[in-house]
Amino acid sequence: MSARYTLRVLTDFASAHTLRDYPGQCANMHGHNWKVEAEVQAETLDDAGMAVDFKVVKTAAREIAGQLDHRYLNDVPPFDTVNPTAENIAQWFFRQMSERLNRPGLRMHALTLWETDRACVRYSEDS
């Protein structure tokens, strides 16, 4: 049996958006206080006994969230052309995290984006 370590970090950001082609009130501008839970997986530990320093994962998550914080998402690429749904934001965030963190022995596992305290989407990709 091989070992697997899953590390999670949380960050948040606030932003507004409108959903294009939505048949309801969410077609109007509205905002959310989003929460982001990023999960990375590793199969090995370094000499210090860590899969990856939490600080590295937190820094990446905060920097990416900073690109969206206090912004109108419909003006921020790629959401100026891609509908800024929770699903699309989660996918974009996951891929941004993957670009920064993935390396041999470490990869993004999943990203959960909370739109409210009771509604979220979890995005992952096959390895």
N, C-alpha and C. Protein backbone atom coordinates (compact mmCIF):
# COMPACT_ATOMS: atom_id res chain seq x y z
N MET A 1 0.85 -1.18 0.00
CA MET A 1 0.00 0.00 0.00
C MET A 1 0.90 1.24 0.00
N SER A 2 0.60 2.19 -0.88
CA SER A 2 1.41 3.40 -0.94
C SER A 2 0.79 4.48 -0.07
N ALA A 3 1.66 5.31 0.48
CA ALA A 3 1.20 6.41 1.34
C ALA A 3 0.67 7.55 0.50
N ARG A 4 -0.28 8.27 1.05
CA ARG A 4 -0.79 9.47 0.39
C ARG A 4 -1.13 10.49 1.48
N TYR A 5 -0.63 11.67 1.31
CA TYR A 5 -0.89 12.77 2.24
C TYR A 5 -1.73 13.81 1.52
N THR A 6 -2.82 14.23 2.14
CA THR A 6 -3.66 15.28 1.58
C THR A 6 -3.60 16.47 2.51
N LEU A 7 -3.14 17.59 1.99
CA LEU A 7 -3.05 18.82 2.76
C LEU A 7 -4.13 19.77 2.25
N ARG A 8 -4.75 20.51 3.16
CA ARG A 8 -5.79 21.47 2.79
C ARG A 8 -5.47 22.83 3.37
N VAL A 9 -5.71 23.85 2.58
CA VAL A 9 -5.61 25.22 3.07
C VAL A 9 -6.87 25.96 2.67
N LEU A 10 -7.22 26.95 3.46
CA LEU A 10 -8.40 27.78 3.20
C LEU A 10 -7.98 29.22 2.98
N THR A 11 -8.65 29.86 2.06
CA THR A 11 -8.50 31.29 1.88
C THR A 11 -9.87 31.82 1.45
N ASP A 12 -9.96 33.10 1.26
CA ASP A 12 -11.24 33.68 0.85
C ASP A 12 -11.02 34.94 0.03
N PHE A 13 -12.08 35.36 -0.61
CA PHE A 13 -12.08 36.62 -1.34
C PHE A 13 -13.53 37.06 -1.51
N ALA A 14 -13.70 38.32 -1.77
CA ALA A 14 -15.03 38.88 -2.01
C ALA A 14 -15.06 39.44 -3.42
N SER A 15 -16.15 39.17 -4.13
CA SER A 15 -16.28 39.69 -5.49
C SER A 15 -17.74 39.73 -5.90
N ALA A 16 -17.98 40.44 -6.98
CA ALA A 16 -19.32 40.53 -7.56
C ALA A 16 -19.29 39.92 -8.95
N HIS A 17 -20.45 39.49 -9.40
CA HIS A 17 -20.56 38.97 -10.76
C HIS A 17 -22.02 39.01 -11.20
N THR A 18 -22.21 38.82 -12.49
CA THR A 18 -23.53 38.58 -13.05
C THR A 18 -23.41 37.31 -13.88
N LEU A 19 -24.44 36.51 -13.88
CA LEU A 19 -24.43 35.28 -14.65
C LEU A 19 -25.14 35.51 -15.97
N ARG A 20 -24.39 35.37 -17.04
CA ARG A 20 -24.94 35.55 -18.38
C ARG A 20 -25.91 34.41 -18.70
N ASP A 21 -26.98 34.75 -19.39
CA ASP A 21 -27.97 33.76 -19.84
C ASP A 21 -28.62 33.00 -18.70
N TYR A 22 -28.66 33.59 -17.52
CA TYR A 22 -29.29 32.94 -16.38
C TYR A 22 -30.74 33.44 -16.27
N PRO A 23 -31.71 32.55 -16.18
CA PRO A 23 -33.11 32.97 -16.16
C PRO A 23 -33.62 33.28 -14.74
N GLY A 24 -32.95 34.18 -14.06
CA GLY A 24 -33.37 34.52 -12.71
C GLY A 24 -32.58 35.69 -12.17
N GLN A 25 -32.71 35.91 -10.87
CA GLN A 25 -32.10 37.08 -10.24
C GLN A 25 -30.58 37.12 -10.33
N CYS A 26 -29.94 35.98 -10.47
CA CYS A 26 -28.48 35.97 -10.55
C CYS A 26 -27.96 36.57 -11.86
N ALA A 27 -28.86 36.91 -12.76
CA ALA A 27 -28.47 37.66 -13.96
C ALA A 27 -28.17 39.11 -13.59
N ASN A 28 -28.64 39.54 -12.41
CA ASN A 28 -28.34 40.88 -11.90
C ASN A 28 -27.01 40.83 -11.14
N MET A 29 -26.31 41.96 -11.09
CA MET A 29 -25.07 42.01 -10.35
C MET A 29 -25.34 41.70 -8.87
N HIS A 30 -24.52 40.83 -8.32
CA HIS A 30 -24.60 40.49 -6.91
C HIS A 30 -23.22 40.01 -6.46
N GLY A 31 -23.01 39.92 -5.17
CA GLY A 31 -21.69 39.56 -4.67
C GLY A 31 -21.72 38.38 -3.73
N HIS A 32 -20.53 37.85 -3.50
CA HIS A 32 -20.34 36.73 -2.57
C HIS A 32 -19.06 36.95 -1.78
N ASN A 33 -19.04 36.38 -0.60
CA ASN A 33 -17.82 36.22 0.17
C ASN A 33 -17.41 34.76 0.00
N TRP A 34 -16.61 34.52 -1.03
CA TRP A 34 -16.23 33.17 -1.42
C TRP A 34 -15.21 32.60 -0.44
N LYS A 35 -15.28 31.30 -0.20
CA LYS A 35 -14.25 30.58 0.54
C LYS A 35 -13.65 29.54 -0.41
N VAL A 36 -12.35 29.39 -0.36
CA VAL A 36 -11.64 28.47 -1.23
C VAL A 36 -10.89 27.46 -0.37
N GLU A 37 -11.13 26.19 -0.62
CA GLU A 37 -10.40 25.12 0.05
C GLU A 37 -9.60 24.37 -1.00
N ALA A 38 -8.29 24.52 -0.92
CA ALA A 38 -7.40 23.87 -1.88
C ALA A 38 -6.79 22.63 -1.24
N GLU A 39 -6.83 21.51 -1.97
CA GLU A 39 -6.26 20.26 -1.49
C GLU A 39 -5.13 19.83 -2.41
N VAL A 40 -3.98 19.56 -1.83
CA VAL A 40 -2.86 19.01 -2.58
C VAL A 40 -2.53 17.63 -2.02
N GLN A 41 -2.03 16.77 -2.88
CA GLN A 41 -1.66 15.42 -2.46
C GLN A 41 -0.20 15.16 -2.76
N ALA A 42 0.40 14.41 -1.85
CA ALA A 42 1.79 13.99 -2.01
C ALA A 42 1.91 12.54 -1.58
N GLU A 43 2.88 11.87 -2.15
CA GLU A 43 3.14 10.48 -1.80
C GLU A 43 4.42 10.31 -1.00
N THR A 44 5.21 11.37 -0.95
CA THR A 44 6.47 11.30 -0.21
C THR A 44 6.63 12.55 0.65
N LEU A 45 7.54 12.46 1.59
CA LEU A 45 7.88 13.58 2.45
C LEU A 45 9.33 13.98 2.21
N ASP A 46 9.62 15.25 2.45
CA ASP A 46 11.00 15.70 2.30
C ASP A 46 11.79 15.34 3.56
N ASP A 47 13.04 15.77 3.62
CA ASP A 47 13.91 15.44 4.74
C ASP A 47 13.41 16.01 6.07
N ALA A 48 12.61 17.07 5.99
CA ALA A 48 12.04 17.68 7.20
C ALA A 48 10.75 16.98 7.62
N GLY A 49 10.29 16.01 6.82
CA GLY A 49 9.06 15.30 7.15
C GLY A 49 7.81 15.98 6.66
N MET A 50 7.95 16.83 5.63
CA MET A 50 6.80 17.54 5.09
C MET A 50 6.56 17.16 3.63
N ALA A 51 5.28 17.11 3.26
CA ALA A 51 4.92 16.92 1.85
C ALA A 51 5.22 18.20 1.09
N VAL A 52 4.78 19.31 1.64
CA VAL A 52 5.05 20.65 1.14
C VAL A 52 4.74 21.59 2.30
N ASP A 53 5.46 22.66 2.42
CA ASP A 53 5.21 23.63 3.48
C ASP A 53 3.83 24.25 3.26
N PHE A 54 2.99 24.26 4.29
CA PHE A 54 1.67 24.88 4.17
C PHE A 54 1.80 26.31 3.64
N LYS A 55 2.86 26.99 4.03
CA LYS A 55 3.07 28.37 3.60
C LYS A 55 3.11 28.49 2.07
N VAL A 56 3.70 27.51 1.40
CA VAL A 56 3.78 27.53 -0.06
C VAL A 56 2.38 27.44 -0.67
N VAL A 57 1.56 26.55 -0.15
CA VAL A 57 0.20 26.37 -0.67
C VAL A 57 -0.65 27.60 -0.34
N LYS A 58 -0.53 28.10 0.89
CA LYS A 58 -1.29 29.30 1.28
C LYS A 58 -0.93 30.50 0.42
N THR A 59 0.35 30.67 0.17
CA THR A 59 0.80 31.81 -0.63
C THR A 59 0.20 31.73 -2.03
N ALA A 60 0.24 30.56 -2.64
CA ALA A 60 -0.32 30.41 -3.99
C ALA A 60 -1.82 30.71 -3.97
N ALA A 61 -2.53 30.15 -3.00
CA ALA A 61 -3.99 30.37 -2.93
C ALA A 61 -4.31 31.84 -2.71
N ARG A 62 -3.58 32.51 -1.84
CA ARG A 62 -3.84 33.93 -1.56
C ARG A 62 -3.53 34.80 -2.77
N GLU A 63 -2.45 34.49 -3.48
CA GLU A 63 -2.11 35.28 -4.66
C GLU A 63 -3.17 35.15 -5.75
N ILE A 64 -3.66 33.94 -5.95
CA ILE A 64 -4.69 33.72 -6.97
C ILE A 64 -6.00 34.39 -6.53
N ALA A 65 -6.36 34.21 -5.27
CA ALA A 65 -7.57 34.86 -4.76
C ALA A 65 -7.45 36.38 -4.88
N GLY A 66 -6.25 36.90 -4.71
CA GLY A 66 -6.03 38.34 -4.82
C GLY A 66 -6.35 38.89 -6.20
N GLN A 67 -6.25 38.05 -7.23
CA GLN A 67 -6.59 38.48 -8.58
C GLN A 67 -8.10 38.72 -8.73
N LEU A 68 -8.90 38.11 -7.83
CA LEU A 68 -10.35 38.21 -7.91
C LEU A 68 -10.95 39.06 -6.81
N ASP A 69 -10.18 39.32 -5.77
CA ASP A 69 -10.71 40.00 -4.59
C ASP A 69 -11.15 41.43 -4.89
N HIS A 70 -12.36 41.73 -4.44
CA HIS A 70 -12.97 43.06 -4.62
C HIS A 70 -12.98 43.50 -6.08
N ARG A 71 -13.29 42.54 -6.94
CA ARG A 71 -13.38 42.80 -8.36
C ARG A 71 -14.76 42.42 -8.86
N TYR A 72 -15.13 42.99 -9.99
CA TYR A 72 -16.32 42.56 -10.73
C TYR A 72 -15.82 41.50 -11.69
N LEU A 73 -16.14 40.23 -11.41
CA LEU A 73 -15.53 39.12 -12.14
C LEU A 73 -15.77 39.17 -13.64
N ASN A 74 -16.88 39.71 -14.07
CA ASN A 74 -17.17 39.77 -15.50
C ASN A 74 -16.18 40.65 -16.26
N ASP A 75 -15.39 41.44 -15.55
CA ASP A 75 -14.35 42.26 -16.17
C ASP A 75 -12.97 41.62 -16.12
N VAL A 76 -12.84 40.50 -15.41
CA VAL A 76 -11.54 39.86 -15.19
C VAL A 76 -11.39 38.66 -16.13
N PRO A 77 -10.35 38.66 -16.99
CA PRO A 77 -10.13 37.48 -17.83
C PRO A 77 -9.89 36.24 -16.96
N PRO A 78 -10.39 35.10 -17.30
CA PRO A 78 -11.12 34.76 -18.51
C PRO A 78 -12.63 34.98 -18.40
N PHE A 79 -13.07 35.53 -17.26
CA PHE A 79 -14.51 35.64 -17.01
C PHE A 79 -15.16 36.80 -17.76
N ASP A 80 -14.35 37.54 -18.51
CA ASP A 80 -14.93 38.53 -19.41
C ASP A 80 -15.57 37.84 -20.61
N THR A 81 -15.16 36.57 -20.87
CA THR A 81 -15.79 35.79 -21.95
C THR A 81 -16.39 34.47 -21.44
N VAL A 82 -15.87 33.94 -20.35
CA VAL A 82 -16.39 32.71 -19.73
C VAL A 82 -17.33 33.11 -18.61
N ASN A 83 -18.51 32.52 -18.58
CA ASN A 83 -19.49 32.86 -17.55
C ASN A 83 -18.90 32.60 -16.16
N PRO A 84 -18.92 33.59 -15.26
CA PRO A 84 -18.30 33.43 -13.95
C PRO A 84 -19.18 32.65 -12.96
N THR A 85 -19.53 31.43 -13.35
CA THR A 85 -20.27 30.55 -12.45
C THR A 85 -19.31 29.98 -11.41
N ALA A 86 -19.85 29.48 -10.33
CA ALA A 86 -19.00 28.85 -9.31
C ALA A 86 -18.18 27.71 -9.92
N GLU A 87 -18.80 26.95 -10.84
CA GLU A 87 -18.10 25.85 -11.48
C GLU A 87 -16.91 26.33 -12.29
N ASN A 88 -17.11 27.38 -13.08
CA ASN A 88 -16.01 27.90 -13.91
C ASN A 88 -14.92 28.54 -13.07
N ILE A 89 -15.31 29.22 -12.00
CA ILE A 89 -14.31 29.83 -11.12
C ILE A 89 -13.49 28.74 -10.44
N ALA A 90 -14.14 27.68 -9.98
CA ALA A 90 -13.43 26.58 -9.32
C ALA A 90 -12.43 25.93 -10.27
N GLN A 91 -12.84 25.69 -11.50
CA GLN A 91 -11.94 25.09 -12.48
C GLN A 91 -10.74 26.00 -12.73
N TRP A 92 -10.99 27.28 -12.95
CA TRP A 92 -9.90 28.24 -13.20
C TRP A 92 -8.93 28.28 -12.03
N PHE A 93 -9.48 28.34 -10.81
CA PHE A 93 -8.65 28.43 -9.61
C PHE A 93 -7.80 27.16 -9.47
N PHE A 94 -8.41 26.00 -9.67
CA PHE A 94 -7.69 24.73 -9.61
C PHE A 94 -6.52 24.73 -10.59
N ARG A 95 -6.77 25.14 -11.80
CA ARG A 95 -5.71 25.12 -12.82
C ARG A 95 -4.61 26.12 -12.52
N GLN A 96 -4.97 27.28 -11.97
CA GLN A 96 -3.96 28.25 -11.56
C GLN A 96 -3.09 27.67 -10.44
N MET A 97 -3.72 27.00 -9.49
CA MET A 97 -2.97 26.37 -8.40
C MET A 97 -2.07 25.27 -8.94
N SER A 98 -2.59 24.48 -9.87
CA SER A 98 -1.81 23.38 -10.46
C SER A 98 -0.56 23.90 -11.14
N GLU A 99 -0.68 25.00 -11.88
CA GLU A 99 0.48 25.57 -12.55
C GLU A 99 1.57 25.95 -11.57
N ARG A 100 1.17 26.41 -10.40
CA ARG A 100 2.14 26.87 -9.41
C ARG A 100 2.72 25.74 -8.56
N LEU A 101 1.92 24.70 -8.31
CA LEU A 101 2.32 23.71 -7.31
C LEU A 101 2.71 22.34 -7.85
N ASN A 102 2.10 21.91 -8.97
CA ASN A 102 2.34 20.55 -9.42
C ASN A 102 3.80 20.33 -9.76
N ARG A 103 4.31 19.21 -9.28
CA ARG A 103 5.67 18.77 -9.57
C ARG A 103 5.73 17.29 -9.22
N PRO A 104 6.78 16.62 -9.59
CA PRO A 104 6.85 15.19 -9.26
C PRO A 104 6.64 14.98 -7.76
N GLY A 105 5.71 14.11 -7.44
CA GLY A 105 5.42 13.80 -6.04
C GLY A 105 4.42 14.71 -5.37
N LEU A 106 3.97 15.79 -6.05
CA LEU A 106 3.02 16.73 -5.46
C LEU A 106 2.09 17.21 -6.57
N ARG A 107 0.78 17.20 -6.28
CA ARG A 107 -0.16 17.69 -7.28
C ARG A 107 -1.42 18.21 -6.60
N MET A 108 -2.06 19.12 -7.29
CA MET A 108 -3.38 19.57 -6.84
C MET A 108 -4.31 18.38 -6.91
N HIS A 109 -5.10 18.21 -5.88
CA HIS A 109 -6.03 17.09 -5.84
C HIS A 109 -7.46 17.57 -6.10
N ALA A 110 -7.85 18.65 -5.42
CA ALA A 110 -9.22 19.15 -5.58
C ALA A 110 -9.27 20.58 -5.08
N LEU A 111 -10.28 21.27 -5.55
CA LEU A 111 -10.53 22.63 -5.09
C LEU A 111 -12.03 22.76 -4.83
N THR A 112 -12.36 23.20 -3.63
CA THR A 112 -13.76 23.43 -3.27
C THR A 112 -13.96 24.93 -3.14
N LEU A 113 -14.94 25.42 -3.86
CA LEU A 113 -15.28 26.85 -3.84
C LEU A 113 -16.66 26.99 -3.20
N TRP A 114 -16.69 27.67 -2.07
CA TRP A 114 -17.93 27.92 -1.34
C TRP A 114 -18.48 29.28 -1.75
N GLU A 115 -19.68 29.27 -2.33
CA GLU A 115 -20.37 30.50 -2.71
C GLU A 115 -21.09 31.09 -1.49
N THR A 116 -21.64 30.21 -0.67
CA THR A 116 -22.26 30.57 0.60
C THR A 116 -21.86 29.49 1.61
N ASP A 117 -22.29 29.65 2.84
CA ASP A 117 -21.98 28.63 3.85
C ASP A 117 -22.66 27.31 3.57
N ARG A 118 -23.65 27.30 2.67
CA ARG A 118 -24.41 26.08 2.41
C ARG A 118 -24.36 25.61 0.96
N ALA A 119 -23.55 26.27 0.13
CA ALA A 119 -23.50 25.89 -1.28
C ALA A 119 -22.05 25.98 -1.79
N CYS A 120 -21.58 24.88 -2.35
CA CYS A 120 -20.21 24.85 -2.86
C CYS A 120 -20.12 23.93 -4.07
N VAL A 121 -19.00 24.04 -4.77
CA VAL A 121 -18.67 23.14 -5.86
C VAL A 121 -17.26 22.63 -5.60
N ARG A 122 -17.04 21.35 -5.85
CA ARG A 122 -15.73 20.74 -5.71
C ARG A 122 -15.26 20.33 -7.09
N TYR A 123 -14.07 20.79 -7.48
CA TYR A 123 -13.52 20.49 -8.81
C TYR A 123 -12.23 19.70 -8.65
N SER A 124 -12.07 18.68 -9.49
CA SER A 124 -10.83 17.93 -9.55
C SER A 124 -10.65 17.41 -10.97
N GLU A 125 -9.46 16.94 -11.26
CA GLU A 125 -9.16 16.37 -12.57
C GLU A 125 -8.45 15.04 -12.36
N ASP A 126 -8.64 14.13 -13.29
CA ASP A 126 -7.93 12.86 -13.23
C ASP A 126 -6.45 13.11 -13.41
N SER A 127 -5.67 12.34 -12.68
CA SER A 127 -4.20 12.52 -12.80
C SER A 127 -3.66 11.75 -13.97
